[in-house]
Amino acid sequence: MIEGIGIDVSEIWRFRKNSTAEFLKQIYTEKEIVEIRGSINWATNFAVKEAILKALGMGLYYGSYWHDLEFSGDQNLRVSGRVKSRLQKSSAAKIHFSAAKTEKYAVSFVLIEQKEACK
């Protein structure tokens, strides 16, 4: 069964315009800053993070933090902080995500599967 779904579309020009070190540090961990390169990839990872927060029914309003979600170069996801706490309190077992990008947009779709469905 489905625990939650989320989708996000990011405009790549915003990441071209705002790719300063200060801006990147707000959204990405030090590891991500080193491993992720280019505005298209910044926008894509942002879309995935945003879609995950939406699928969890969270958002920055509920105290989650961009750094609670960290991607490594091989697209493995590490969850920590309030996002991890939220996942542990829910019936979520697995996060599935897909992302696509064009010259102008990055889009991500997230499906969070419940524990019962993963048995």
PDB file of N, CA and C in Angstrom:
ATOM      1  N   MET A   1       0.833  -1.180   0.000  1.00  0.00           N
ATOM      2  CA  MET A   1       0.000   0.000   0.000  1.00  0.00           C
ATOM      3  C   MET A   1       0.881   1.249   0.000  1.00  0.00           C
ATOM      4  N   ILE A   2       0.295   2.335  -0.350  1.00  0.00           N
ATOM      5  CA  ILE A   2       1.028   3.596  -0.468  1.00  0.00           C
ATOM      6  C   ILE A   2       0.899   4.405   0.815  1.00  0.00           C
ATOM      7  N   GLU A   3       2.017   4.857   1.321  1.00  0.00           N
ATOM      8  CA  GLU A   3       2.070   5.735   2.496  1.00  0.00           C
ATOM      9  C   GLU A   3       1.924   7.197   2.072  1.00  0.00           C
ATOM     10  N   GLY A   4       2.557   7.554   0.956  1.00  0.00           N
ATOM     11  CA  GLY A   4       2.480   8.927   0.483  1.00  0.00           C
ATOM     12  C   GLY A   4       3.067   9.073  -0.907  1.00  0.00           C
ATOM     13  N   ILE A   5       2.641  10.125  -1.601  1.00  0.00           N
ATOM     14  CA  ILE A   5       3.216  10.442  -2.901  1.00  0.00           C
ATOM     15  C   ILE A   5       3.565  11.929  -2.935  1.00  0.00           C
ATOM     16  N   GLY A   6       4.529  12.264  -3.737  1.00  0.00           N
ATOM     17  CA  GLY A   6       4.927  13.660  -3.886  1.00  0.00           C
ATOM     18  C   GLY A   6       5.507  13.893  -5.262  1.00  0.00           C
ATOM     19  N   ILE A   7       5.369  15.107  -5.729  1.00  0.00           N
ATOM     20  CA  ILE A   7       5.915  15.481  -7.032  1.00  0.00           C
ATOM     21  C   ILE A   7       6.460  16.898  -6.922  1.00  0.00           C
ATOM     22  N   ASP A   8       7.487  17.188  -7.688  1.00  0.00           N
ATOM     23  CA  ASP A   8       8.011  18.546  -7.718  1.00  0.00           C
ATOM     24  C   ASP A   8       8.610  18.826  -9.092  1.00  0.00           C
ATOM     25  N   VAL A   9       8.462  20.067  -9.526  1.00  0.00           N
ATOM     26  CA  VAL A   9       9.071  20.548 -10.760  1.00  0.00           C
ATOM     27  C   VAL A   9       9.940  21.745 -10.390  1.00  0.00           C
ATOM     28  N   SER A  10      11.184  21.722 -10.802  1.00  0.00           N
ATOM     29  CA  SER A  10      12.103  22.829 -10.528  1.00  0.00           C
ATOM     30  C   SER A  10      12.561  23.445 -11.836  1.00  0.00           C
ATOM     31  N   GLU A  11      12.620  24.757 -11.859  1.00  0.00           N
ATOM     32  CA  GLU A  11      13.114  25.461 -13.034  1.00  0.00           C
ATOM     33  C   GLU A  11      14.636  25.565 -12.933  1.00  0.00           C
ATOM     34  N   ILE A  12      15.319  25.060 -13.923  1.00  0.00           N
ATOM     35  CA  ILE A  12      16.776  24.979 -13.873  1.00  0.00           C
ATOM     36  C   ILE A  12      17.422  26.363 -13.873  1.00  0.00           C
ATOM     37  N   TRP A  13      16.813  27.359 -14.506  1.00  0.00           N
ATOM     38  CA  TRP A  13      17.408  28.697 -14.546  1.00  0.00           C
ATOM     39  C   TRP A  13      17.603  29.257 -13.146  1.00  0.00           C
ATOM     40  N   ARG A  14      16.745  28.873 -12.202  1.00  0.00           N
ATOM     41  CA  ARG A  14      16.901  29.370 -10.822  1.00  0.00           C
ATOM     42  C   ARG A  14      18.203  28.876 -10.203  1.00  0.00           C
ATOM     43  N   PHE A  15      18.632  27.681 -10.564  1.00  0.00           N
ATOM     44  CA  PHE A  15      19.875  27.144 -10.030  1.00  0.00           C
ATOM     45  C   PHE A  15      21.085  27.698 -10.766  1.00  0.00           C
ATOM     46  N   ARG A  16      20.913  28.058 -12.022  1.00  0.00           N
ATOM     47  CA  ARG A  16      21.993  28.744 -12.737  1.00  0.00           C
ATOM     48  C   ARG A  16      22.228  30.118 -12.128  1.00  0.00           C
ATOM     49  N   LYS A  17      21.138  30.800 -11.817  1.00  0.00           N
ATOM     50  CA  LYS A  17      21.199  32.153 -11.282  1.00  0.00           C
ATOM     51  C   LYS A  17      21.694  32.175  -9.827  1.00  0.00           C
ATOM     52  N   ASN A  18      21.325  31.174  -9.041  1.00  0.00           N
ATOM     53  CA  ASN A  18      21.583  31.187  -7.596  1.00  0.00           C
ATOM     54  C   ASN A  18      22.581  30.128  -7.132  1.00  0.00           C
ATOM     55  N   SER A  19      23.526  29.762  -7.948  1.00  0.00           N
ATOM     56  CA  SER A  19      24.435  28.690  -7.541  1.00  0.00           C
ATOM     57  C   SER A  19      25.628  29.202  -6.725  1.00  0.00           C
ATOM     58  N   THR A  20      25.390  30.172  -5.872  1.00  0.00           N
ATOM     59  CA  THR A  20      26.443  30.668  -4.990  1.00  0.00           C
ATOM     60  C   THR A  20      26.679  29.656  -3.878  1.00  0.00           C
ATOM     61  N   ALA A  21      27.843  29.721  -3.267  1.00  0.00           N
ATOM     62  CA  ALA A  21      28.169  28.802  -2.175  1.00  0.00           C
ATOM     63  C   ALA A  21      27.159  28.924  -1.037  1.00  0.00           C
ATOM     64  N   GLU A  22      26.745  30.135  -0.740  1.00  0.00           N
ATOM     65  CA  GLU A  22      25.779  30.354   0.350  1.00  0.00           C
ATOM     66  C   GLU A  22      24.437  29.685   0.042  1.00  0.00           C
ATOM     67  N   PHE A  23      23.967  29.851  -1.176  1.00  0.00           N
ATOM     68  CA  PHE A  23      22.704  29.228  -1.588  1.00  0.00           C
ATOM     69  C   PHE A  23      22.803  27.712  -1.535  1.00  0.00           C
ATOM     70  N   LEU A  24      23.868  27.148  -2.085  1.00  0.00           N
ATOM     71  CA  LEU A  24      24.024  25.695  -2.121  1.00  0.00           C
ATOM     72  C   LEU A  24      24.105  25.107  -0.719  1.00  0.00           C
ATOM     73  N   LYS A  25      24.771  25.782   0.202  1.00  0.00           N
ATOM     74  CA  LYS A  25      24.909  25.284   1.578  1.00  0.00           C
ATOM     75  C   LYS A  25      23.573  25.246   2.309  1.00  0.00           C
ATOM     76  N   GLN A  26      22.605  26.051   1.888  1.00  0.00           N
ATOM     77  CA  GLN A  26      21.285  26.013   2.506  1.00  0.00           C
ATOM     78  C   GLN A  26      20.549  24.709   2.178  1.00  0.00           C
ATOM     79  N   ILE A  27      20.780  24.176   1.000  1.00  0.00           N
ATOM     80  CA  ILE A  27      20.011  23.032   0.511  1.00  0.00           C
ATOM     81  C   ILE A  27      20.789  21.719   0.573  1.00  0.00           C
ATOM     82  N   TYR A  28      22.089  21.779   0.332  1.00  0.00           N
ATOM     83  CA  TYR A  28      22.884  20.566   0.171  1.00  0.00           C
ATOM     84  C   TYR A  28      23.917  20.412   1.283  1.00  0.00           C
ATOM     85  N   THR A  29      24.221  19.147   1.603  1.00  0.00           N
ATOM     86  CA  THR A  29      25.278  18.863   2.565  1.00  0.00           C
ATOM     87  C   THR A  29      26.632  19.088   1.889  1.00  0.00           C
ATOM     88  N   GLU A  30      27.680  19.144   2.683  1.00  0.00           N
ATOM     89  CA  GLU A  30      29.035  19.304   2.123  1.00  0.00           C
ATOM     90  C   GLU A  30      29.342  18.176   1.134  1.00  0.00           C
ATOM     91  N   LYS A  31      28.944  16.957   1.475  1.00  0.00           N
ATOM     92  CA  LYS A  31      29.179  15.811   0.587  1.00  0.00           C
ATOM     93  C   LYS A  31      28.466  16.000  -0.749  1.00  0.00           C
ATOM     94  N   GLU A  32      27.226  16.465  -0.706  1.00  0.00           N
ATOM     95  CA  GLU A  32      26.474  16.690  -1.939  1.00  0.00           C
ATOM     96  C   GLU A  32      27.107  17.797  -2.771  1.00  0.00           C
ATOM     97  N   ILE A  33      27.572  18.852  -2.121  1.00  0.00           N
ATOM     98  CA  ILE A  33      28.196  19.959  -2.851  1.00  0.00           C
ATOM     99  C   ILE A  33      29.419  19.476  -3.615  1.00  0.00           C
ATOM    100  N   VAL A  34      30.178  18.568  -3.019  1.00  0.00           N
ATOM    101  CA  VAL A  34      31.367  18.022  -3.672  1.00  0.00           C
ATOM    102  C   VAL A  34      30.982  17.083  -4.814  1.00  0.00           C
ATOM    103  N   GLU A  35      29.960  16.242  -4.586  1.00  0.00           N
ATOM    104  CA  GLU A  35      29.627  15.190  -5.551  1.00  0.00           C
ATOM    105  C   GLU A  35      28.695  15.628  -6.682  1.00  0.00           C
ATOM    106  N   ILE A  36      27.815  16.589  -6.414  1.00  0.00           N
ATOM    107  CA  ILE A  36      26.829  17.005  -7.419  1.00  0.00           C
ATOM    108  C   ILE A  36      27.380  18.220  -8.153  1.00  0.00           C
ATOM    109  N   ARG A  37      27.376  18.177  -9.452  1.00  0.00           N
ATOM    110  CA  ARG A  37      27.900  19.297 -10.239  1.00  0.00           C
ATOM    111  C   ARG A  37      26.887  19.745 -11.271  1.00  0.00           C
ATOM    112  N   GLY A  38      26.753  21.023 -11.422  1.00  0.00           N
ATOM    113  CA  GLY A  38      25.947  21.593 -12.497  1.00  0.00           C
ATOM    114  C   GLY A  38      24.529  21.922 -12.092  1.00  0.00           C
ATOM    115  N   SER A  39      24.011  22.988 -12.671  1.00  0.00           N
ATOM    116  CA  SER A  39      22.683  23.482 -12.317  1.00  0.00           C
ATOM    117  C   SER A  39      21.579  22.478 -12.619  1.00  0.00           C
ATOM    118  N   ILE A  40      21.734  21.677 -13.668  1.00  0.00           N
ATOM    119  CA  ILE A  40      20.712  20.673 -13.975  1.00  0.00           C
ATOM    120  C   ILE A  40      20.657  19.636 -12.860  1.00  0.00           C
ATOM    121  N   ASN A  41      21.805  19.198 -12.383  1.00  0.00           N
ATOM    122  CA  ASN A  41      21.841  18.214 -11.297  1.00  0.00           C
ATOM    123  C   ASN A  41      21.393  18.814  -9.971  1.00  0.00           C
ATOM    124  N   TRP A  42      21.731  20.096  -9.709  1.00  0.00           N
ATOM    125  CA  TRP A  42      21.252  20.757  -8.497  1.00  0.00           C
ATOM    126  C   TRP A  42      19.735  20.777  -8.500  1.00  0.00           C
ATOM    127  N   ALA A  43      19.156  21.180  -9.620  1.00  0.00           N
ATOM    128  CA  ALA A  43      17.703  21.279  -9.728  1.00  0.00           C
ATOM    129  C   ALA A  43      17.034  19.918  -9.583  1.00  0.00           C
ATOM    130  N   THR A  44      17.632  18.895 -10.159  1.00  0.00           N
ATOM    131  CA  THR A  44      17.067  17.549 -10.079  1.00  0.00           C
ATOM    132  C   THR A  44      17.066  17.047  -8.642  1.00  0.00           C
ATOM    133  N   ASN A  45      18.175  17.188  -7.941  1.00  0.00           N
ATOM    134  CA  ASN A  45      18.233  16.733  -6.551  1.00  0.00           C
ATOM    135  C   ASN A  45      17.290  17.544  -5.664  1.00  0.00           C
ATOM    136  N   PHE A  46      17.174  18.839  -5.932  1.00  0.00           N
ATOM    137  CA  PHE A  46      16.233  19.660  -5.187  1.00  0.00           C
ATOM    138  C   PHE A  46      14.808  19.139  -5.388  1.00  0.00           C
ATOM    139  N   ALA A  47      14.448  18.814  -6.625  1.00  0.00           N
ATOM    140  CA  ALA A  47      13.105  18.312  -6.919  1.00  0.00           C
ATOM    141  C   ALA A  47      12.829  17.013  -6.170  1.00  0.00           C
ATOM    142  N   VAL A  48      13.822  16.137  -6.078  1.00  0.00           N
ATOM    143  CA  VAL A  48      13.633  14.883  -5.346  1.00  0.00           C
ATOM    144  C   VAL A  48      13.432  15.167  -3.857  1.00  0.00           C
ATOM    145  N   LYS A  49      14.275  16.024  -3.282  1.00  0.00           N
ATOM    146  CA  LYS A  49      14.130  16.350  -1.859  1.00  0.00           C
ATOM    147  C   LYS A  49      12.756  16.951  -1.577  1.00  0.00           C
ATOM    148  N   GLU A  50      12.332  17.875  -2.401  1.00  0.00           N
ATOM    149  CA  GLU A  50      11.042  18.526  -2.213  1.00  0.00           C
ATOM    150  C   GLU A  50       9.902  17.519  -2.339  1.00  0.00           C
ATOM    151  N   ALA A  51       9.976  16.621  -3.308  1.00  0.00           N
ATOM    152  CA  ALA A  51       8.925  15.612  -3.502  1.00  0.00           C
ATOM    153  C   ALA A  51       8.871  14.644  -2.311  1.00  0.00           C
ATOM    154  N   ILE A  52      10.010  14.304  -1.739  1.00  0.00           N
ATOM    155  CA  ILE A  52      10.026  13.432  -0.561  1.00  0.00           C
ATOM    156  C   ILE A  52       9.327  14.118   0.607  1.00  0.00           C
ATOM    157  N   LEU A  53       9.647  15.374   0.841  1.00  0.00           N
ATOM    158  CA  LEU A  53       9.000  16.109   1.932  1.00  0.00           C
ATOM    159  C   LEU A  53       7.489  16.186   1.720  1.00  0.00           C
ATOM    160  N   LYS A  54       7.066  16.384   0.478  1.00  0.00           N
ATOM    161  CA  LYS A  54       5.631  16.421   0.178  1.00  0.00           C
ATOM    162  C   LYS A  54       4.995  15.056   0.424  1.00  0.00           C
ATOM    163  N   ALA A  55       5.665  13.988   0.011  1.00  0.00           N
ATOM    164  CA  ALA A  55       5.133  12.632   0.200  1.00  0.00           C
ATOM    165  C   ALA A  55       4.985  12.290   1.679  1.00  0.00           C
ATOM    166  N   LEU A  56       5.830  12.865   2.501  1.00  0.00           N
ATOM    167  CA  LEU A  56       5.765  12.626   3.944  1.00  0.00           C
ATOM    168  C   LEU A  56       4.769  13.554   4.637  1.00  0.00           C
ATOM    169  N   GLY A  57       4.197  14.470   3.878  1.00  0.00           N
ATOM    170  CA  GLY A  57       3.282  15.430   4.479  1.00  0.00           C
ATOM    171  C   GLY A  57       4.012  16.437   5.346  1.00  0.00           C
ATOM    172  N   MET A  58       5.290  16.581   5.097  1.00  0.00           N
ATOM    173  CA  MET A  58       6.113  17.516   5.852  1.00  0.00           C
ATOM    174  C   MET A  58       6.347  18.736   4.982  1.00  0.00           C
ATOM    175  N   GLY A  59       7.342  19.381   5.246  1.00  0.00           N
ATOM    176  CA  GLY A  59       7.732  20.558   4.508  1.00  0.00           C
ATOM    177  C   GLY A  59       8.561  21.382   5.453  1.00  0.00           C
ATOM    178  N   LEU A  60       9.133  22.401   4.959  1.00  0.00           N
ATOM    179  CA  LEU A  60       9.980  23.222   5.815  1.00  0.00           C
ATOM    180  C   LEU A  60       9.174  23.863   6.936  1.00  0.00           C
ATOM    181  N   TYR A  61       7.865  23.971   6.749  1.00  0.00           N
ATOM    182  CA  TYR A  61       7.014  24.542   7.793  1.00  0.00           C
ATOM    183  C   TYR A  61       6.999  23.679   9.054  1.00  0.00           C
ATOM    184  N   TYR A  62       7.200  22.384   8.901  1.00  0.00           N
ATOM    185  CA  TYR A  62       7.136  21.475  10.031  1.00  0.00           C
ATOM    186  C   TYR A  62       8.513  21.189  10.626  1.00  0.00           C
ATOM    187  N   GLY A  63       9.480  21.984  10.286  1.00  0.00           N
ATOM    188  CA  GLY A  63      10.785  21.875  10.912  1.00  0.00           C
ATOM    189  C   GLY A  63      11.757  20.921  10.257  1.00  0.00           C
ATOM    190  N   SER A  64      11.400  20.366   9.119  1.00  0.00           N
ATOM    191  CA  SER A  64      12.381  19.515   8.446  1.00  0.00           C
ATOM    192  C   SER A  64      13.448  20.411   7.843  1.00  0.00           C
ATOM    193  N   TYR A  65      14.496  19.801   7.429  1.00  0.00           N
ATOM    194  CA  TYR A  65      15.669  20.533   7.011  1.00  0.00           C
ATOM    195  C   TYR A  65      16.220  19.874   5.765  1.00  0.00           C
ATOM    196  N   TRP A  66      16.633  20.661   4.789  1.00  0.00           N
ATOM    197  CA  TRP A  66      17.151  20.088   3.537  1.00  0.00           C
ATOM    198  C   TRP A  66      18.255  19.079   3.793  1.00  0.00           C
ATOM    199  N   HIS A  67      19.063  19.312   4.802  1.00  0.00           N
ATOM    200  CA  HIS A  67      20.200  18.427   5.077  1.00  0.00           C
ATOM    201  C   HIS A  67      19.770  17.098   5.688  1.00  0.00           C
ATOM    202  N   ASP A  68      18.493  16.975   6.052  1.00  0.00           N
ATOM    203  CA  ASP A  68      17.980  15.694   6.554  1.00  0.00           C
ATOM    204  C   ASP A  68      17.906  14.646   5.447  1.00  0.00           C
ATOM    205  N   LEU A  69      18.027  15.084   4.212  1.00  0.00           N
ATOM    206  CA  LEU A  69      18.027  14.201   3.044  1.00  0.00           C
ATOM    207  C   LEU A  69      19.336  14.423   2.303  1.00  0.00           C
ATOM    208  N   GLU A  70      20.127  13.365   2.171  1.00  0.00           N
ATOM    209  CA  GLU A  70      21.425  13.505   1.506  1.00  0.00           C
ATOM    210  C   GLU A  70      21.587  12.405   0.459  1.00  0.00           C
ATOM    211  N   PHE A  71      21.947  12.819  -0.745  1.00  0.00           N
ATOM    212  CA  PHE A  71      22.199  11.878  -1.831  1.00  0.00           C
ATOM    213  C   PHE A  71      23.682  11.734  -2.053  1.00  0.00           C
ATOM    214  N   SER A  72      24.108  10.498  -2.264  1.00  0.00           N
ATOM    215  CA  SER A  72      25.494  10.278  -2.666  1.00  0.00           C
ATOM    216  C   SER A  72      25.532  10.193  -4.181  1.00  0.00           C
ATOM    217  N   GLY A  73      26.727  10.163  -4.736  1.00  0.00           N
ATOM    218  CA  GLY A  73      26.894  10.174  -6.183  1.00  0.00           C
ATOM    219  C   GLY A  73      26.166   9.056  -6.900  1.00  0.00           C
ATOM    220  N   ASP A  74      25.950   7.930  -6.231  1.00  0.00           N
ATOM    221  CA  ASP A  74      25.254   6.811  -6.871  1.00  0.00           C
ATOM    222  C   ASP A  74      23.755   6.822  -6.581  1.00  0.00           C
ATOM    223  N   GLN A  75      23.235   7.971  -6.137  1.00  0.00           N
ATOM    224  CA  GLN A  75      21.812   8.198  -5.865  1.00  0.00           C
ATOM    225  C   GLN A  75      21.281   7.400  -4.673  1.00  0.00           C
ATOM    226  N   ASN A  76      22.152   6.977  -3.767  1.00  0.00           N
ATOM    227  CA  ASN A  76      21.687   6.403  -2.512  1.00  0.00           C
ATOM    228  C   ASN A  76      21.233   7.539  -1.611  1.00  0.00           C
ATOM    229  N   LEU A  77      20.169   7.314  -0.887  1.00  0.00           N
ATOM    230  CA  LEU A  77      19.573   8.331  -0.027  1.00  0.00           C
ATOM    231  C   LEU A  77      19.876   8.030   1.429  1.00  0.00           C
ATOM    232  N   ARG A  78      20.395   9.036   2.144  1.00  0.00           N
ATOM    233  CA  ARG A  78      20.609   8.939   3.591  1.00  0.00           C
ATOM    234  C   ARG A  78      19.628   9.904   4.234  1.00  0.00           C
ATOM    235  N   VAL A  79      18.875   9.394   5.205  1.00  0.00           N
ATOM    236  CA  VAL A  79      17.863  10.191   5.884  1.00  0.00           C
ATOM    237  C   VAL A  79      18.289  10.377   7.331  1.00  0.00           C
ATOM    238  N   SER A  80      18.130  11.599   7.844  1.00  0.00           N
ATOM    239  CA  SER A  80      18.505  11.875   9.230  1.00  0.00           C
ATOM    240  C   SER A  80      17.546  12.908   9.817  1.00  0.00           C
ATOM    241  N   GLY A  81      17.787  13.299  11.046  1.00  0.00           N
ATOM    242  CA  GLY A  81      17.047  14.381  11.682  1.00  0.00           C
ATOM    243  C   GLY A  81      15.554  14.157  11.767  1.00  0.00           C
ATOM    244  N   ARG A  82      14.804  15.225  11.554  1.00  0.00           N
ATOM    245  CA  ARG A  82      13.345  15.170  11.674  1.00  0.00           C
ATOM    246  C   ARG A  82      12.697  14.315  10.596  1.00  0.00           C
ATOM    247  N   VAL A  83      13.304  14.253   9.431  1.00  0.00           N
ATOM    248  CA  VAL A  83      12.747  13.398   8.378  1.00  0.00           C
ATOM    249  C   VAL A  83      12.850  11.934   8.806  1.00  0.00           C
ATOM    250  N   LYS A  84      13.980  11.554   9.358  1.00  0.00           N
ATOM    251  CA  LYS A  84      14.157  10.180   9.839  1.00  0.00           C
ATOM    252  C   LYS A  84      13.168   9.870  10.961  1.00  0.00           C
ATOM    253  N   SER A  85      13.002  10.808  11.872  1.00  0.00           N
ATOM    254  CA  SER A  85      12.052  10.630  12.968  1.00  0.00           C
ATOM    255  C   SER A  85      10.635  10.437  12.438  1.00  0.00           C
ATOM    256  N   ARG A  86      10.264  11.234  11.444  1.00  0.00           N
ATOM    257  CA  ARG A  86       8.935  11.125  10.838  1.00  0.00           C
ATOM    258  C   ARG A  86       8.745   9.759  10.178  1.00  0.00           C
ATOM    259  N   LEU A  87       9.768   9.288   9.476  1.00  0.00           N
ATOM    260  CA  LEU A  87       9.684   7.975   8.830  1.00  0.00           C
ATOM    261  C   LEU A  87       9.542   6.866   9.865  1.00  0.00           C
ATOM    262  N   GLN A  88      10.269   6.959  10.973  1.00  0.00           N
ATOM    263  CA  GLN A  88      10.209   5.933  12.009  1.00  0.00           C
ATOM    264  C   GLN A  88       8.844   5.883  12.691  1.00  0.00           C
ATOM    265  N   LYS A  89       8.171   7.017  12.785  1.00  0.00           N
ATOM    266  CA  LYS A  89       6.852   7.078  13.422  1.00  0.00           C
ATOM    267  C   LYS A  89       5.738   6.669  12.469  1.00  0.00           C
ATOM    268  N   SER A  90       6.024   6.621  11.197  1.00  0.00           N
ATOM    269  CA  SER A  90       5.001   6.285  10.201  1.00  0.00           C
ATOM    270  C   SER A  90       5.056   4.798   9.882  1.00  0.00           C
ATOM    271  N   SER A  91       4.229   4.389   8.947  1.00  0.00           N
ATOM    272  CA  SER A  91       4.257   3.000   8.487  1.00  0.00           C
ATOM    273  C   SER A  91       5.081   2.872   7.203  1.00  0.00           C
ATOM    274  N   ALA A  92       5.922   3.875   6.936  1.00  0.00           N
ATOM    275  CA  ALA A  92       6.736   3.870   5.716  1.00  0.00           C
ATOM    276  C   ALA A  92       7.853   2.837   5.802  1.00  0.00           C
ATOM    277  N   ALA A  93       8.057   2.131   4.711  1.00  0.00           N
ATOM    278  CA  ALA A  93       9.113   1.130   4.650  1.00  0.00           C
ATOM    279  C   ALA A  93      10.160   1.458   3.597  1.00  0.00           C
ATOM    280  N   LYS A  94       9.730   2.024   2.490  1.00  0.00           N
ATOM    281  CA  LYS A  94      10.659   2.249   1.387  1.00  0.00           C
ATOM    282  C   LYS A  94      10.259   3.487   0.605  1.00  0.00           C
ATOM    283  N   ILE A  95      11.272   4.255   0.200  1.00  0.00           N
ATOM    284  CA  ILE A  95      11.042   5.439  -0.624  1.00  0.00           C
ATOM    285  C   ILE A  95      11.486   5.119  -2.047  1.00  0.00           C
ATOM    286  N   HIS A  96      10.564   5.240  -2.976  1.00  0.00           N
ATOM    287  CA  HIS A  96      10.868   5.068  -4.393  1.00  0.00           C
ATOM    288  C   HIS A  96      10.843   6.453  -5.030  1.00  0.00           C
ATOM    289  N   PHE A  97      11.807   6.739  -5.891  1.00  0.00           N
ATOM    290  CA  PHE A  97      11.767   8.035  -6.567  1.00  0.00           C
ATOM    291  C   PHE A  97      12.296   7.919  -7.986  1.00  0.00           C
ATOM    292  N   SER A  98      11.795   8.810  -8.798  1.00  0.00           N
ATOM    293  CA  SER A  98      12.234   8.892 -10.180  1.00  0.00           C
ATOM    294  C   SER A  98      12.357  10.374 -10.525  1.00  0.00           C
ATOM    295  N   ALA A  99      13.355  10.689 -11.315  1.00  0.00           N
ATOM    296  CA  ALA A  99      13.568  12.081 -11.713  1.00  0.00           C
ATOM    297  C   ALA A  99      13.873  12.137 -13.202  1.00  0.00           C
ATOM    298  N   ALA A 100      13.477  13.234 -13.795  1.00  0.00           N
ATOM    299  CA  ALA A 100      13.764  13.477 -15.208  1.00  0.00           C
ATOM    300  C   ALA A 100      14.109  14.944 -15.366  1.00  0.00           C
ATOM    301  N   LYS A 101      14.834  15.252 -16.426  1.00  0.00           N
ATOM    302  CA  LYS A 101      15.225  16.645 -16.649  1.00  0.00           C
ATOM    303  C   LYS A 101      15.236  16.954 -18.135  1.00  0.00           C
ATOM    304  N   THR A 102      14.960  18.211 -18.418  1.00  0.00           N
ATOM    305  CA  THR A 102      15.072  18.738 -19.765  1.00  0.00           C
ATOM    306  C   THR A 102      16.005  19.935 -19.673  1.00  0.00           C
ATOM    307  N   GLU A 103      16.096  20.683 -20.717  1.00  0.00           N
ATOM    308  CA  GLU A 103      16.939  21.873 -20.699  1.00  0.00           C
ATOM    309  C   GLU A 103      16.401  22.928 -19.732  1.00  0.00           C
ATOM    310  N   LYS A 104      15.083  22.950 -19.524  1.00  0.00           N
ATOM    311  CA  LYS A 104      14.452  23.988 -18.701  1.00  0.00           C
ATOM    312  C   LYS A 104      13.969  23.520 -17.333  1.00  0.00           C
ATOM    313  N   TYR A 105      13.610  22.234 -17.206  1.00  0.00           N
ATOM    314  CA  TYR A 105      12.968  21.758 -15.979  1.00  0.00           C
ATOM    315  C   TYR A 105      13.561  20.449 -15.479  1.00  0.00           C
ATOM    316  N   ALA A 106      13.463  20.279 -14.162  1.00  0.00           N
ATOM    317  CA  ALA A 106      13.742  18.996 -13.528  1.00  0.00           C
ATOM    318  C   ALA A 106      12.469  18.611 -12.788  1.00  0.00           C
ATOM    319  N   VAL A 107      12.068  17.357 -12.893  1.00  0.00           N
ATOM    320  CA  VAL A 107      10.849  16.894 -12.243  1.00  0.00           C
ATOM    321  C   VAL A 107      11.150  15.606 -11.486  1.00  0.00           C
ATOM    322  N   SER A 108      10.477  15.431 -10.369  1.00  0.00           N
ATOM    323  CA  SER A 108      10.659  14.226  -9.581  1.00  0.00           C
ATOM    324  C   SER A 108       9.315  13.730  -9.085  1.00  0.00           C
ATOM    325  N   PHE A 109       9.185  12.421  -9.039  1.00  0.00           N
ATOM    326  CA  PHE A 109       8.005  11.771  -8.474  1.00  0.00           C
ATOM    327  C   PHE A 109       8.483  10.818  -7.390  1.00  0.00           C
ATOM    328  N   VAL A 110       7.821  10.846  -6.246  1.00  0.00           N
ATOM    329  CA  VAL A 110       8.187  10.005  -5.110  1.00  0.00           C
ATOM    330  C   VAL A 110       6.968   9.215  -4.666  1.00  0.00           C
ATOM    331  N   LEU A 111       7.180   7.946  -4.371  1.00  0.00           N
ATOM    332  CA  LEU A 111       6.163   7.087  -3.790  1.00  0.00           C
ATOM    333  C   LEU A 111       6.771   6.451  -2.550  1.00  0.00           C
ATOM    334  N   ILE A 112       6.085   6.583  -1.429  1.00  0.00           N
ATOM    335  CA  ILE A 112       6.545   5.960  -0.194  1.00  0.00           C
ATOM    336  C   ILE A 112       5.635   4.771   0.082  1.00  0.00           C
ATOM    337  N   GLU A 113       6.269   3.612   0.189  1.00  0.00           N
ATOM    338  CA  GLU A 113       5.553   2.359   0.350  1.00  0.00           C
ATOM    339  C   GLU A 113       5.419   2.027   1.836  1.00  0.00           C
ATOM    340  N   GLN A 114       4.276   1.484   2.213  1.00  0.00           N
ATOM    341  CA  GLN A 114       4.052   1.079   3.595  1.00  0.00           C
ATOM    342  C   GLN A 114       4.750  -0.238   3.913  1.00  0.00           C
ATOM    343  N   LYS A 115       5.016  -0.455   5.201  1.00  0.00           N
ATOM    344  CA  LYS A 115       5.718  -1.658   5.649  1.00  0.00           C
ATOM    345  C   LYS A 115       4.991  -2.937   5.260  1.00  0.00           C
ATOM    346  N   GLU A 116       3.675  -2.967   5.392  1.00  0.00           N
ATOM    347  CA  GLU A 116       2.922  -4.176   5.084  1.00  0.00           C
ATOM    348  C   GLU A 116       3.111  -4.610   3.638  1.00  0.00           C
ATOM    349  N   ALA A 117       3.273  -3.653   2.734  1.00  0.00           N
ATOM    350  CA  ALA A 117       3.416  -3.966   1.313  1.00  0.00           C
ATOM    351  C   ALA A 117       4.776  -4.542   0.992  1.00  0.00           C
ATOM    352  N   CYS A 118       5.747  -4.334   1.870  1.00  0.00           N
ATOM    353  CA  CYS A 118       7.112  -4.786   1.589  1.00  0.00           C
ATOM    354  C   CYS A 118       7.419  -6.165   2.144  1.00  0.00           C
ATOM    355  N   LYS A 119       6.467  -6.804   2.785  1.00  0.00           N
ATOM    356  CA  LYS A 119       6.715  -8.124   3.391  1.00  0.00           C
ATOM    357  C   LYS A 119       6.750  -9.208   2.371  1.00  0.00           C
TER     358      LYS A 119
END
